[in-house]
Amino acid sequence: MRYRHFFVLVLALLVGLTSVLTAQSVATQSSGTTRGGVMLFGGLALPAGEFGKTDGDNAGFAKKGFFGGAEIMFSVAPSIGIVLDGRYIINKYDDSQIAALVGSYPGISYTVGSYTGILPMGGIRLYTTGPIGLFVDGQAGYMFAKSPEVTVTGLGVNEKVDAVSGKGLAYGGSAGIDIGNTLIVGASYIICKPKFEMTVSAGSQQTTQTVEQPMNMIQIFAGIRF
């Protein structure tokens, strides 16, 4: 299944479940003791640990990126809720080393893509009540990622690292401020290490290997709940 199709299905599922998942909290929403609804959110995706490094065996060469997504939350008791969300993530690839190498050979050019990921998750949220509340949550999910494509051409050189799909378990924790069950500001820490089947082409020769790439990141977000 192609990524965009999967992402559309995730969002459709989230939106389709809204009336069911929030039914218990609607009746008490006006009291200010519960939280719930559909939220659209987005923000910065900052690589953490090896994902953002440019040296070492597990260096990911990832740069600052962006993400967006949708969330459904419903309260099962005052101060306790269930949360389901889906996120689409883009992180640029740090091409500084490629640029330095290619720059010493006039006539050679290169292109570099970005990391992308689709991350559906679900978990438990704890929150304080009142017009302005604090929340923390823990979630688990599955990362469907795609590595950046890299090509180098010119002066008889024609090398390419194909963009490939990777997947693996993901875990996350979030904390933030909920203002009036409408404006939400917070941050998440995501831990995941998807496996990629990497293929490197050099002329007529190809080599393939399985690579586990850490993709830990800090996500800073703002959202609006309806």
N, C-alpha and C. Protein backbone atom coordinates (compact mmCIF):
# COMPACT_ATOMS: atom_id res chain seq x y z
N MET A 1 0.85 -1.20 0.00
CA MET A 1 0.00 0.00 0.00
C MET A 1 0.88 1.24 0.00
N ARG A 2 0.61 2.17 -0.85
CA ARG A 2 1.42 3.37 -0.92
C ARG A 2 1.18 4.24 0.30
N TYR A 3 2.22 5.03 0.67
CA TYR A 3 2.15 5.83 1.89
C TYR A 3 0.97 6.77 1.91
N ARG A 4 0.75 7.48 0.82
CA ARG A 4 -0.33 8.47 0.84
C ARG A 4 -1.68 7.79 1.04
N HIS A 5 -1.85 6.58 0.46
CA HIS A 5 -3.10 5.86 0.62
C HIS A 5 -3.28 5.44 2.07
N PHE A 6 -2.20 4.96 2.69
CA PHE A 6 -2.28 4.55 4.08
C PHE A 6 -2.62 5.72 4.97
N PHE A 7 -1.99 6.87 4.72
CA PHE A 7 -2.24 8.06 5.54
C PHE A 7 -3.69 8.51 5.42
N VAL A 8 -4.24 8.47 4.22
CA VAL A 8 -5.64 8.84 4.02
C VAL A 8 -6.55 7.90 4.81
N LEU A 9 -6.25 6.60 4.81
CA LEU A 9 -7.06 5.64 5.53
C LEU A 9 -6.99 5.88 7.04
N VAL A 10 -5.79 6.23 7.54
CA VAL A 10 -5.64 6.51 8.96
C VAL A 10 -6.48 7.71 9.36
N LEU A 11 -6.39 8.77 8.59
CA LEU A 11 -7.17 9.97 8.90
C LEU A 11 -8.67 9.70 8.81
N ALA A 12 -9.06 8.93 7.79
CA ALA A 12 -10.48 8.60 7.65
C ALA A 12 -10.97 7.80 8.85
N LEU A 13 -10.14 6.88 9.33
CA LEU A 13 -10.50 6.10 10.50
C LEU A 13 -10.64 6.97 11.73
N LEU A 14 -9.67 7.90 11.91
CA LEU A 14 -9.72 8.78 13.07
C LEU A 14 -10.97 9.64 13.07
N VAL A 15 -11.27 10.23 11.91
CA VAL A 15 -12.43 11.09 11.81
C VAL A 15 -13.72 10.28 11.96
N GLY A 16 -13.75 9.08 11.38
CA GLY A 16 -14.93 8.24 11.45
C GLY A 16 -15.26 7.77 12.84
N LEU A 17 -14.24 7.67 13.71
CA LEU A 17 -14.45 7.20 15.07
C LEU A 17 -14.85 8.30 16.04
N THR A 18 -14.80 9.54 15.58
CA THR A 18 -15.01 10.67 16.49
C THR A 18 -16.29 10.57 17.30
N SER A 19 -17.41 10.36 16.63
CA SER A 19 -18.69 10.36 17.32
C SER A 19 -18.79 9.23 18.33
N VAL A 20 -18.14 8.10 18.02
CA VAL A 20 -18.18 6.97 18.93
C VAL A 20 -17.30 7.20 20.14
N LEU A 21 -16.07 7.65 19.89
CA LEU A 21 -15.09 7.75 20.96
C LEU A 21 -15.35 8.91 21.91
N THR A 22 -15.99 9.96 21.42
CA THR A 22 -16.22 11.13 22.28
C THR A 22 -17.63 11.16 22.88
N ALA A 23 -18.44 10.15 22.60
CA ALA A 23 -19.84 10.17 23.04
C ALA A 23 -19.95 10.26 24.56
N GLN A 24 -19.06 9.56 25.28
CA GLN A 24 -19.16 9.57 26.73
C GLN A 24 -18.80 10.91 27.34
N SER A 25 -17.97 11.69 26.67
CA SER A 25 -17.49 12.94 27.28
C SER A 25 -18.29 14.15 26.89
N VAL A 26 -19.11 14.07 25.84
CA VAL A 26 -19.84 15.24 25.36
C VAL A 26 -20.79 15.77 26.42
N ALA A 27 -21.45 14.86 27.12
CA ALA A 27 -22.46 15.28 28.08
C ALA A 27 -21.85 16.07 29.24
N THR A 28 -20.60 15.77 29.57
CA THR A 28 -19.98 16.45 30.71
C THR A 28 -18.97 17.51 30.30
N GLN A 29 -18.85 17.76 29.01
CA GLN A 29 -17.83 18.68 28.53
C GLN A 29 -17.98 20.07 29.11
N SER A 30 -19.22 20.54 29.30
CA SER A 30 -19.44 21.90 29.75
C SER A 30 -18.97 22.13 31.18
N SER A 31 -18.80 21.04 31.95
CA SER A 31 -18.39 21.20 33.34
C SER A 31 -16.92 21.58 33.47
N GLY A 32 -16.14 21.37 32.40
CA GLY A 32 -14.72 21.69 32.44
C GLY A 32 -13.88 20.61 33.11
N THR A 33 -14.51 19.46 33.44
CA THR A 33 -13.77 18.40 34.12
C THR A 33 -13.24 17.36 33.16
N THR A 34 -13.62 17.40 31.89
CA THR A 34 -13.15 16.40 30.94
C THR A 34 -12.57 17.07 29.71
N ARG A 35 -11.84 16.30 28.95
CA ARG A 35 -11.27 16.75 27.69
C ARG A 35 -11.65 15.74 26.62
N GLY A 36 -11.73 16.21 25.37
CA GLY A 36 -12.01 15.28 24.30
C GLY A 36 -12.35 15.98 23.00
N GLY A 37 -12.19 15.25 21.89
CA GLY A 37 -12.53 15.77 20.58
C GLY A 37 -11.45 15.46 19.56
N VAL A 38 -11.61 16.05 18.40
CA VAL A 38 -10.65 15.88 17.31
C VAL A 38 -9.70 17.08 17.28
N MET A 39 -8.43 16.81 17.16
CA MET A 39 -7.45 17.89 17.10
C MET A 39 -6.62 17.76 15.82
N LEU A 40 -6.40 18.88 15.17
CA LEU A 40 -5.44 18.99 14.08
C LEU A 40 -4.22 19.73 14.61
N PHE A 41 -3.04 19.18 14.38
CA PHE A 41 -1.85 19.77 14.97
C PHE A 41 -0.65 19.61 14.06
N GLY A 42 0.40 20.37 14.36
CA GLY A 42 1.63 20.28 13.57
C GLY A 42 2.71 21.10 14.24
N GLY A 43 3.94 20.94 13.72
CA GLY A 43 5.05 21.68 14.31
C GLY A 43 6.39 21.20 13.80
N LEU A 44 7.41 21.36 14.64
CA LEU A 44 8.79 21.03 14.28
C LEU A 44 9.12 19.60 14.69
N ALA A 45 9.91 18.93 13.84
CA ALA A 45 10.41 17.59 14.14
C ALA A 45 11.93 17.68 14.21
N LEU A 46 12.48 17.63 15.41
CA LEU A 46 13.91 17.82 15.61
C LEU A 46 14.58 16.47 15.86
N PRO A 47 15.55 16.09 15.04
CA PRO A 47 16.21 14.80 15.24
C PRO A 47 16.95 14.76 16.57
N ALA A 48 16.92 13.61 17.23
CA ALA A 48 17.59 13.44 18.52
C ALA A 48 18.55 12.26 18.44
N GLY A 49 19.62 12.33 19.19
CA GLY A 49 20.57 11.23 19.25
C GLY A 49 21.21 10.95 17.91
N GLU A 50 21.35 9.66 17.59
CA GLU A 50 22.06 9.24 16.39
C GLU A 50 21.36 9.66 15.10
N PHE A 51 20.06 9.89 15.16
CA PHE A 51 19.33 10.29 13.96
C PHE A 51 19.85 11.60 13.39
N GLY A 52 20.31 12.49 14.26
CA GLY A 52 20.81 13.79 13.80
C GLY A 52 22.32 13.87 13.65
N LYS A 53 23.04 12.77 13.91
CA LYS A 53 24.50 12.79 13.82
C LYS A 53 24.98 12.63 12.38
N THR A 54 26.20 13.08 12.12
CA THR A 54 26.80 12.94 10.79
C THR A 54 28.04 12.05 10.82
N ASP A 55 28.29 11.39 11.96
CA ASP A 55 29.38 10.42 12.03
C ASP A 55 28.97 9.27 12.93
N GLY A 56 29.64 8.13 12.77
CA GLY A 56 29.28 6.95 13.54
C GLY A 56 28.48 5.97 12.71
N ASP A 57 28.45 4.72 13.15
CA ASP A 57 27.78 3.66 12.39
C ASP A 57 26.29 3.89 12.22
N ASN A 58 25.64 4.52 13.20
CA ASN A 58 24.19 4.71 13.15
C ASN A 58 23.78 6.15 12.84
N ALA A 59 24.72 6.93 12.34
CA ALA A 59 24.40 8.33 12.02
C ALA A 59 23.29 8.41 10.98
N GLY A 60 22.30 9.26 11.25
CA GLY A 60 21.17 9.38 10.34
C GLY A 60 21.24 10.57 9.40
N PHE A 61 22.13 11.53 9.67
CA PHE A 61 22.28 12.72 8.83
C PHE A 61 20.96 13.49 8.68
N ALA A 62 20.09 13.40 9.67
CA ALA A 62 18.80 14.09 9.58
C ALA A 62 18.91 15.52 10.10
N LYS A 63 18.19 16.43 9.45
CA LYS A 63 18.13 17.82 9.87
C LYS A 63 16.73 18.14 10.39
N LYS A 64 16.58 19.36 10.86
CA LYS A 64 15.28 19.82 11.35
C LYS A 64 14.21 19.59 10.29
N GLY A 65 13.04 19.14 10.73
CA GLY A 65 11.94 18.89 9.81
C GLY A 65 10.62 19.38 10.36
N PHE A 66 9.57 18.90 9.77
CA PHE A 66 8.22 19.33 10.13
C PHE A 66 7.29 18.11 10.15
N PHE A 67 6.18 18.26 10.84
CA PHE A 67 5.19 17.19 10.85
C PHE A 67 3.80 17.78 11.05
N GLY A 68 2.81 17.00 10.69
CA GLY A 68 1.42 17.38 10.90
C GLY A 68 0.60 16.12 11.13
N GLY A 69 -0.55 16.29 11.75
CA GLY A 69 -1.36 15.11 12.01
C GLY A 69 -2.72 15.44 12.59
N ALA A 70 -3.43 14.38 12.96
CA ALA A 70 -4.75 14.49 13.56
C ALA A 70 -4.83 13.56 14.75
N GLU A 71 -5.61 13.98 15.74
CA GLU A 71 -5.74 13.21 16.98
C GLU A 71 -7.19 13.13 17.40
N ILE A 72 -7.55 11.99 17.98
CA ILE A 72 -8.83 11.86 18.65
C ILE A 72 -8.55 11.51 20.10
N MET A 73 -9.20 12.24 21.00
CA MET A 73 -9.09 11.95 22.43
C MET A 73 -10.47 11.88 23.04
N PHE A 74 -10.65 10.91 23.94
CA PHE A 74 -11.91 10.88 24.69
C PHE A 74 -11.62 10.47 26.12
N SER A 75 -12.38 11.03 27.03
CA SER A 75 -12.17 10.78 28.45
C SER A 75 -12.92 9.53 28.89
N VAL A 76 -12.26 8.70 29.68
CA VAL A 76 -12.90 7.52 30.25
C VAL A 76 -13.21 7.75 31.73
N ALA A 77 -12.61 8.80 32.30
CA ALA A 77 -12.87 9.21 33.68
C ALA A 77 -12.27 10.60 33.82
N PRO A 78 -12.72 11.38 34.82
CA PRO A 78 -12.08 12.68 35.02
C PRO A 78 -10.57 12.54 35.17
N SER A 79 -9.85 13.28 34.36
CA SER A 79 -8.38 13.32 34.38
C SER A 79 -7.71 12.13 33.70
N ILE A 80 -8.48 11.24 33.08
CA ILE A 80 -7.90 10.09 32.37
C ILE A 80 -8.55 9.98 30.99
N GLY A 81 -7.74 9.87 29.96
CA GLY A 81 -8.28 9.78 28.61
C GLY A 81 -7.53 8.78 27.75
N ILE A 82 -8.18 8.39 26.66
CA ILE A 82 -7.55 7.56 25.62
C ILE A 82 -7.27 8.46 24.43
N VAL A 83 -6.09 8.32 23.84
CA VAL A 83 -5.72 9.16 22.70
C VAL A 83 -5.25 8.28 21.55
N LEU A 84 -5.70 8.62 20.34
CA LEU A 84 -5.27 7.98 19.11
C LEU A 84 -4.85 9.08 18.14
N ASP A 85 -3.70 8.92 17.50
CA ASP A 85 -3.30 9.95 16.54
C ASP A 85 -2.50 9.35 15.39
N GLY A 86 -2.39 10.13 14.32
CA GLY A 86 -1.58 9.77 13.17
C GLY A 86 -0.76 10.98 12.76
N ARG A 87 0.53 10.79 12.46
CA ARG A 87 1.43 11.89 12.13
C ARG A 87 2.17 11.59 10.82
N TYR A 88 2.34 12.64 10.03
CA TYR A 88 3.16 12.57 8.82
C TYR A 88 4.38 13.45 9.04
N ILE A 89 5.58 12.88 8.88
CA ILE A 89 6.83 13.54 9.28
C ILE A 89 7.76 13.68 8.09
N ILE A 90 8.41 14.82 7.97
CA ILE A 90 9.43 15.06 6.94
C ILE A 90 10.67 15.65 7.61
N ASN A 91 11.81 14.99 7.43
CA ASN A 91 13.09 15.51 7.91
C ASN A 91 14.08 15.59 6.76
N LYS A 92 14.65 16.76 6.55
CA LYS A 92 15.64 16.93 5.49
C LYS A 92 16.91 16.14 5.81
N TYR A 93 17.65 15.80 4.78
CA TYR A 93 18.91 15.07 4.91
C TYR A 93 20.07 16.06 4.90
N ASP A 94 21.01 15.88 5.83
CA ASP A 94 22.17 16.75 5.91
C ASP A 94 23.17 16.36 4.81
N ASP A 95 23.27 17.20 3.78
CA ASP A 95 24.11 16.87 2.63
C ASP A 95 25.47 17.57 2.68
N SER A 96 25.87 18.05 3.85
CA SER A 96 27.12 18.83 3.94
C SER A 96 28.33 18.03 3.50
N GLN A 97 28.40 16.76 3.89
CA GLN A 97 29.56 15.95 3.51
C GLN A 97 29.56 15.64 2.01
N ILE A 98 28.37 15.40 1.46
CA ILE A 98 28.29 15.16 0.02
C ILE A 98 28.68 16.42 -0.74
N ALA A 99 28.20 17.57 -0.26
CA ALA A 99 28.53 18.83 -0.92
C ALA A 99 30.03 19.10 -0.90
N ALA A 100 30.67 18.80 0.23
CA ALA A 100 32.11 19.02 0.34
C ALA A 100 32.89 18.12 -0.61
N LEU A 101 32.44 16.87 -0.75
CA LEU A 101 33.13 15.93 -1.62
C LEU A 101 32.91 16.27 -3.09
N VAL A 102 31.66 16.53 -3.45
CA VAL A 102 31.34 16.83 -4.85
C VAL A 102 31.93 18.17 -5.27
N GLY A 103 32.01 19.11 -4.32
CA GLY A 103 32.53 20.43 -4.65
C GLY A 103 33.97 20.42 -5.12
N SER A 104 34.71 19.38 -4.77
CA SER A 104 36.11 19.29 -5.20
C SER A 104 36.25 18.67 -6.59
N TYR A 105 35.13 18.30 -7.21
CA TYR A 105 35.15 17.71 -8.55
C TYR A 105 34.17 18.46 -9.44
N PRO A 106 34.63 19.53 -10.10
CA PRO A 106 33.74 20.27 -11.01
C PRO A 106 33.17 19.34 -12.08
N GLY A 107 31.90 19.54 -12.37
CA GLY A 107 31.24 18.71 -13.37
C GLY A 107 30.41 17.59 -12.76
N ILE A 108 30.53 17.39 -11.46
CA ILE A 108 29.72 16.37 -10.78
C ILE A 108 28.61 17.07 -9.99
N SER A 109 27.41 16.54 -10.09
CA SER A 109 26.25 17.10 -9.38
C SER A 109 25.57 16.00 -8.56
N TYR A 110 24.71 16.41 -7.66
CA TYR A 110 24.01 15.43 -6.82
C TYR A 110 22.63 15.95 -6.45
N THR A 111 21.76 15.04 -6.05
CA THR A 111 20.45 15.37 -5.50
C THR A 111 20.24 14.54 -4.25
N VAL A 112 19.57 15.11 -3.27
CA VAL A 112 19.31 14.41 -2.01
C VAL A 112 17.85 14.62 -1.62
N GLY A 113 17.19 13.54 -1.25
CA GLY A 113 15.80 13.62 -0.80
C GLY A 113 15.71 13.83 0.70
N SER A 114 14.57 13.48 1.28
CA SER A 114 14.31 13.65 2.71
C SER A 114 13.79 12.36 3.31
N TYR A 115 13.97 12.24 4.62
CA TYR A 115 13.28 11.18 5.36
C TYR A 115 11.80 11.54 5.45
N THR A 116 10.93 10.56 5.28
CA THR A 116 9.51 10.76 5.53
C THR A 116 9.01 9.61 6.39
N GLY A 117 7.95 9.86 7.12
CA GLY A 117 7.41 8.82 7.98
C GLY A 117 5.93 9.02 8.25
N ILE A 118 5.23 7.91 8.37
CA ILE A 118 3.83 7.91 8.81
C ILE A 118 3.80 7.15 10.13
N LEU A 119 3.25 7.79 11.15
CA LEU A 119 3.32 7.23 12.50
C LEU A 119 1.94 7.23 13.16
N PRO A 120 1.21 6.11 13.12
CA PRO A 120 -0.02 5.99 13.90
C PRO A 120 0.31 5.49 15.31
N MET A 121 -0.32 6.08 16.33
CA MET A 121 -0.06 5.70 17.72
C MET A 121 -1.35 5.77 18.54
N GLY A 122 -1.30 5.13 19.68
CA GLY A 122 -2.41 5.19 20.62
C GLY A 122 -1.91 4.99 22.03
N GLY A 123 -2.62 5.55 23.03
CA GLY A 123 -2.16 5.39 24.40
C GLY A 123 -3.06 6.06 25.41
N ILE A 124 -2.52 6.29 26.60
CA ILE A 124 -3.25 6.85 27.74
C ILE A 124 -2.76 8.27 28.03
N ARG A 125 -3.70 9.16 28.31
CA ARG A 125 -3.35 10.53 28.67
C ARG A 125 -3.89 10.86 30.06
N LEU A 126 -3.07 11.48 30.87
CA LEU A 126 -3.47 12.00 32.17
C LEU A 126 -3.46 13.52 32.11
N TYR A 127 -4.49 14.16 32.67
CA TYR A 127 -4.58 15.61 32.56
C TYR A 127 -5.23 16.21 33.80
N THR A 128 -4.93 17.49 34.01
CA THR A 128 -5.58 18.21 35.08
C THR A 128 -6.82 18.91 34.52
N THR A 129 -7.80 19.13 35.39
CA THR A 129 -9.06 19.72 34.95
C THR A 129 -9.02 21.24 35.12
N GLY A 130 -10.07 21.87 34.61
CA GLY A 130 -10.16 23.32 34.69
C GLY A 130 -9.97 23.96 33.34
N PRO A 131 -10.17 25.27 33.24
CA PRO A 131 -10.04 25.97 31.95
C PRO A 131 -8.66 25.82 31.33
N ILE A 132 -7.62 25.84 32.16
CA ILE A 132 -6.25 25.63 31.68
C ILE A 132 -5.69 24.41 32.39
N GLY A 133 -5.35 23.39 31.61
CA GLY A 133 -4.88 22.15 32.20
C GLY A 133 -3.54 21.72 31.66
N LEU A 134 -2.88 20.86 32.42
CA LEU A 134 -1.65 20.23 31.98
C LEU A 134 -1.94 18.77 31.63
N PHE A 135 -1.13 18.20 30.73
CA PHE A 135 -1.33 16.79 30.40
C PHE A 135 0.00 16.11 30.13
N VAL A 136 0.01 14.80 30.36
CA VAL A 136 1.12 13.94 29.97
C VAL A 136 0.51 12.67 29.40
N ASP A 137 1.19 12.04 28.47
CA ASP A 137 0.69 10.78 27.94
C ASP A 137 1.83 9.88 27.51
N GLY A 138 1.52 8.61 27.39
CA GLY A 138 2.43 7.61 26.86
C GLY A 138 1.73 6.85 25.76
N GLN A 139 2.41 6.65 24.63
CA GLN A 139 1.78 6.01 23.49
C GLN A 139 2.74 4.99 22.85
N ALA A 140 2.17 4.09 22.08
CA ALA A 140 2.94 3.15 21.29
C ALA A 140 2.32 3.07 19.91
N GLY A 141 3.13 2.75 18.90
CA GLY A 141 2.61 2.67 17.54
C GLY A 141 3.60 2.00 16.62
N TYR A 142 3.51 2.32 15.35
CA TYR A 142 4.35 1.68 14.33
C TYR A 142 4.77 2.72 13.31
N MET A 143 6.07 2.82 13.10
CA MET A 143 6.59 3.79 12.14
C MET A 143 6.71 3.16 10.75
N PHE A 144 6.12 3.84 9.76
CA PHE A 144 6.29 3.47 8.36
C PHE A 144 7.12 4.58 7.72
N ALA A 145 8.40 4.32 7.51
CA ALA A 145 9.33 5.36 7.09
C ALA A 145 9.83 5.14 5.67
N LYS A 146 10.42 6.18 5.12
CA LYS A 146 11.05 6.11 3.81
C LYS A 146 12.36 6.88 3.87
N SER A 147 13.44 6.25 3.42
CA SER A 147 14.75 6.88 3.47
C SER A 147 14.93 7.83 2.30
N PRO A 148 15.86 8.78 2.42
CA PRO A 148 16.09 9.72 1.31
C PRO A 148 16.82 9.05 0.14
N GLU A 149 16.48 9.47 -1.05
CA GLU A 149 17.19 9.02 -2.24
C GLU A 149 18.36 9.96 -2.51
N VAL A 150 19.52 9.39 -2.83
CA VAL A 150 20.72 10.18 -3.10
C VAL A 150 21.29 9.75 -4.45
N THR A 151 21.56 10.72 -5.33
CA THR A 151 22.17 10.42 -6.63
C THR A 151 23.39 11.33 -6.84
N VAL A 152 24.41 10.77 -7.45
CA VAL A 152 25.61 11.52 -7.82
C VAL A 152 25.92 11.20 -9.27
N THR A 153 25.98 12.24 -10.13
CA THR A 153 26.21 12.02 -11.56
C THR A 153 27.23 13.01 -12.11
N GLY A 154 27.82 12.64 -13.28
CA GLY A 154 28.75 13.54 -13.96
C GLY A 154 30.14 12.95 -14.08
N LEU A 155 30.84 13.29 -15.19
CA LEU A 155 32.20 12.83 -15.45
C LEU A 155 32.32 11.31 -15.37
N GLY A 156 31.33 10.64 -15.93
CA GLY A 156 31.35 9.18 -15.94
C GLY A 156 30.85 8.53 -14.67
N VAL A 157 30.47 9.32 -13.68
CA VAL A 157 29.97 8.79 -12.42
C VAL A 157 28.45 8.72 -12.47
N ASN A 158 27.89 7.60 -12.06
CA ASN A 158 26.44 7.45 -12.02
C ASN A 158 26.10 6.53 -10.85
N GLU A 159 26.06 7.11 -9.65
CA GLU A 159 25.80 6.33 -8.45
C GLU A 159 24.49 6.78 -7.81
N LYS A 160 23.82 5.82 -7.21
CA LYS A 160 22.50 6.12 -6.65
C LYS A 160 22.22 5.24 -5.44
N VAL A 161 21.71 5.87 -4.41
CA VAL A 161 21.15 5.15 -3.26
C VAL A 161 19.65 5.34 -3.32
N ASP A 162 18.92 4.25 -3.59
CA ASP A 162 17.48 4.35 -3.77
C ASP A 162 16.77 4.68 -2.46
N ALA A 163 15.66 5.40 -2.56
CA ALA A 163 14.77 5.60 -1.42
C ALA A 163 14.03 4.30 -1.17
N VAL A 164 14.07 3.82 0.05
CA VAL A 164 13.43 2.54 0.37
C VAL A 164 12.55 2.70 1.59
N SER A 165 11.64 1.75 1.75
CA SER A 165 10.71 1.78 2.87
C SER A 165 11.28 1.03 4.06
N GLY A 166 10.97 1.52 5.24
CA GLY A 166 11.36 0.87 6.47
C GLY A 166 10.21 0.91 7.46
N LYS A 167 10.21 0.02 8.41
CA LYS A 167 9.14 0.00 9.41
C LYS A 167 9.65 -0.59 10.71
N GLY A 168 8.97 -0.24 11.79
CA GLY A 168 9.35 -0.74 13.09
C GLY A 168 8.49 -0.15 14.19
N LEU A 169 8.52 -0.77 15.36
CA LEU A 169 7.76 -0.28 16.51
C LEU A 169 8.23 1.11 16.92
N ALA A 170 7.32 1.89 17.46
CA ALA A 170 7.64 3.24 17.92
C ALA A 170 6.97 3.49 19.26
N TYR A 171 7.62 4.30 20.08
CA TYR A 171 7.09 4.66 21.39
C TYR A 171 7.22 6.17 21.56
N GLY A 172 6.28 6.74 22.28
CA GLY A 172 6.31 8.19 22.45
C GLY A 172 5.72 8.64 23.76
N GLY A 173 6.20 9.78 24.23
CA GLY A 173 5.64 10.42 25.40
C GLY A 173 5.45 11.89 25.11
N SER A 174 4.38 12.47 25.62
CA SER A 174 4.08 13.88 25.36
C SER A 174 3.71 14.60 26.65
N ALA A 175 3.87 15.90 26.63
CA ALA A 175 3.45 16.75 27.74
C ALA A 175 3.11 18.12 27.18
N GLY A 176 2.18 18.80 27.82
CA GLY A 176 1.82 20.12 27.31
C GLY A 176 0.73 20.80 28.11
N ILE A 177 0.19 21.85 27.51
CA ILE A 177 -0.85 22.68 28.11
C ILE A 177 -2.10 22.62 27.23
N ASP A 178 -3.24 22.44 27.88
CA ASP A 178 -4.54 22.40 27.19
C ASP A 178 -5.35 23.60 27.67
N ILE A 179 -5.62 24.53 26.76
CA ILE A 179 -6.35 25.75 27.11
C ILE A 179 -7.78 25.63 26.63
N GLY A 180 -8.68 25.45 27.59
CA GLY A 180 -10.10 25.43 27.28
C GLY A 180 -10.54 24.32 26.35
N ASN A 181 -9.83 23.22 26.32
CA ASN A 181 -10.15 22.11 25.41
C ASN A 181 -10.18 22.56 23.96
N THR A 182 -9.43 23.62 23.64
CA THR A 182 -9.43 24.17 22.29
C THR A 182 -8.02 24.34 21.74
N LEU A 183 -7.17 25.04 22.48
CA LEU A 183 -5.80 25.28 22.04
C LEU A 183 -4.85 24.40 22.86
N ILE A 184 -4.04 23.62 22.15
CA ILE A 184 -3.12 22.70 22.81
C ILE A 184 -1.71 22.99 22.31
N VAL A 185 -0.78 23.12 23.25
CA VAL A 185 0.64 23.33 22.93
C VAL A 185 1.44 22.31 23.73
N GLY A 186 2.39 21.64 23.06
CA GLY A 186 3.14 20.63 23.78
C GLY A 186 4.35 20.14 23.02
N ALA A 187 4.93 19.07 23.54
CA ALA A 187 6.10 18.46 22.92
C ALA A 187 6.04 16.95 23.12
N SER A 188 6.55 16.22 22.14
CA SER A 188 6.60 14.76 22.20
C SER A 188 8.04 14.30 22.00
N TYR A 189 8.36 13.18 22.61
CA TYR A 189 9.64 12.52 22.34
C TYR A 189 9.32 11.15 21.74
N ILE A 190 9.79 10.91 20.52
CA ILE A 190 9.49 9.69 19.79
C ILE A 190 10.74 8.82 19.72
N ILE A 191 10.58 7.54 20.02
CA ILE A 191 11.67 6.57 19.94
C ILE A 191 11.29 5.49 18.94
N CYS A 192 12.10 5.29 17.92
CA CYS A 192 11.85 4.22 16.96
C CYS A 192 13.13 3.87 16.22
N LYS A 193 13.17 2.66 15.69
CA LYS A 193 14.35 2.17 15.00
C LYS A 193 13.90 1.26 13.86
N PRO A 194 13.32 1.84 12.80
CA PRO A 194 12.82 1.02 11.69
C PRO A 194 13.95 0.34 10.92
N LYS A 195 13.61 -0.78 10.30
CA LYS A 195 14.56 -1.52 9.48
C LYS A 195 14.35 -1.17 8.01
N PHE A 196 15.46 -0.88 7.31
CA PHE A 196 15.43 -0.53 5.89
C PHE A 196 16.22 -1.57 5.09
N GLU A 197 15.70 -1.92 3.93
CA GLU A 197 16.45 -2.73 2.97
C GLU A 197 17.09 -1.77 1.98
N MET A 198 18.38 -1.47 2.18
CA MET A 198 19.07 -0.46 1.40
C MET A 198 19.73 -1.08 0.16
N THR A 199 19.55 -0.44 -0.99
CA THR A 199 20.18 -0.88 -2.23
C THR A 199 21.07 0.24 -2.76
N VAL A 200 22.34 -0.07 -3.01
CA VAL A 200 23.29 0.89 -3.55
C VAL A 200 23.66 0.46 -4.96
N SER A 201 23.47 1.37 -5.94
CA SER A 201 23.80 1.08 -7.32
C SER A 201 25.06 1.83 -7.73
N ALA A 202 26.00 1.13 -8.34
CA ALA A 202 27.22 1.73 -8.87
C ALA A 202 27.48 1.11 -10.24
N GLY A 203 27.09 1.84 -11.27
CA GLY A 203 27.18 1.29 -12.62
C GLY A 203 26.21 0.14 -12.77
N SER A 204 26.72 -1.03 -13.15
CA SER A 204 25.86 -2.20 -13.34
C SER A 204 25.79 -3.07 -12.10
N GLN A 205 26.45 -2.68 -11.03
CA GLN A 205 26.49 -3.49 -9.82
C GLN A 205 25.55 -2.92 -8.76
N GLN A 206 24.89 -3.83 -8.03
CA GLN A 206 24.00 -3.45 -6.95
C GLN A 206 24.31 -4.29 -5.71
N THR A 207 24.24 -3.63 -4.57
CA THR A 207 24.39 -4.34 -3.30
C THR A 207 23.21 -3.96 -2.40
N THR A 208 22.71 -4.95 -1.64
CA THR A 208 21.56 -4.73 -0.77
C THR A 208 21.91 -5.19 0.64
N GLN A 209 21.50 -4.39 1.62
CA GLN A 209 21.74 -4.75 3.01
C GLN A 209 20.62 -4.20 3.88
N THR A 210 20.36 -4.88 4.98
CA THR A 210 19.35 -4.43 5.94
C THR A 210 19.99 -3.51 6.96
N VAL A 211 19.40 -2.36 7.14
CA VAL A 211 19.95 -1.35 8.05
C VAL A 211 18.88 -0.95 9.05
N GLU A 212 19.22 -0.97 10.33
CA GLU A 212 18.35 -0.43 11.37
C GLU A 212 18.78 1.01 11.64
N GLN A 213 17.90 1.94 11.32
CA GLN A 213 18.24 3.35 11.48
C GLN A 213 17.46 3.97 12.63
N PRO A 214 18.13 4.36 13.73
CA PRO A 214 17.42 5.08 14.79
C PRO A 214 16.80 6.36 14.23
N MET A 215 15.54 6.60 14.57
CA MET A 215 14.84 7.81 14.13
C MET A 215 14.18 8.49 15.32
N ASN A 216 14.92 8.60 16.43
CA ASN A 216 14.40 9.32 17.59
C ASN A 216 14.27 10.80 17.27
N MET A 217 13.24 11.43 17.80
CA MET A 217 13.05 12.85 17.52
C MET A 217 12.23 13.53 18.60
N ILE A 218 12.43 14.81 18.71
CA ILE A 218 11.60 15.67 19.57
C ILE A 218 10.65 16.44 18.67
N GLN A 219 9.37 16.38 18.97
CA GLN A 219 8.37 17.09 18.18
C GLN A 219 7.71 18.16 19.04
N ILE A 220 7.81 19.40 18.59
CA ILE A 220 7.18 20.53 19.28
C ILE A 220 5.97 20.95 18.46
N PHE A 221 4.80 20.99 19.08
CA PHE A 221 3.59 21.17 18.30
C PHE A 221 2.59 22.13 18.93
N ALA A 222 1.69 22.59 18.10
CA ALA A 222 0.51 23.36 18.52
C ALA A 222 -0.66 22.82 17.73
N GLY A 223 -1.83 22.81 18.36
CA GLY A 223 -3.00 22.25 17.68
C GLY A 223 -4.28 22.90 18.13
N ILE A 224 -5.32 22.66 17.34
CA ILE A 224 -6.66 23.16 17.66
C ILE A 224 -7.62 21.97 17.73
N ARG A 225 -8.33 21.87 18.85
CA ARG A 225 -9.30 20.77 19.04
C ARG A 225 -10.72 21.29 18.76
N PHE A 226 -11.47 20.45 18.08
CA PHE A 226 -12.84 20.82 17.71
C PHE A 226 -13.85 20.04 18.53
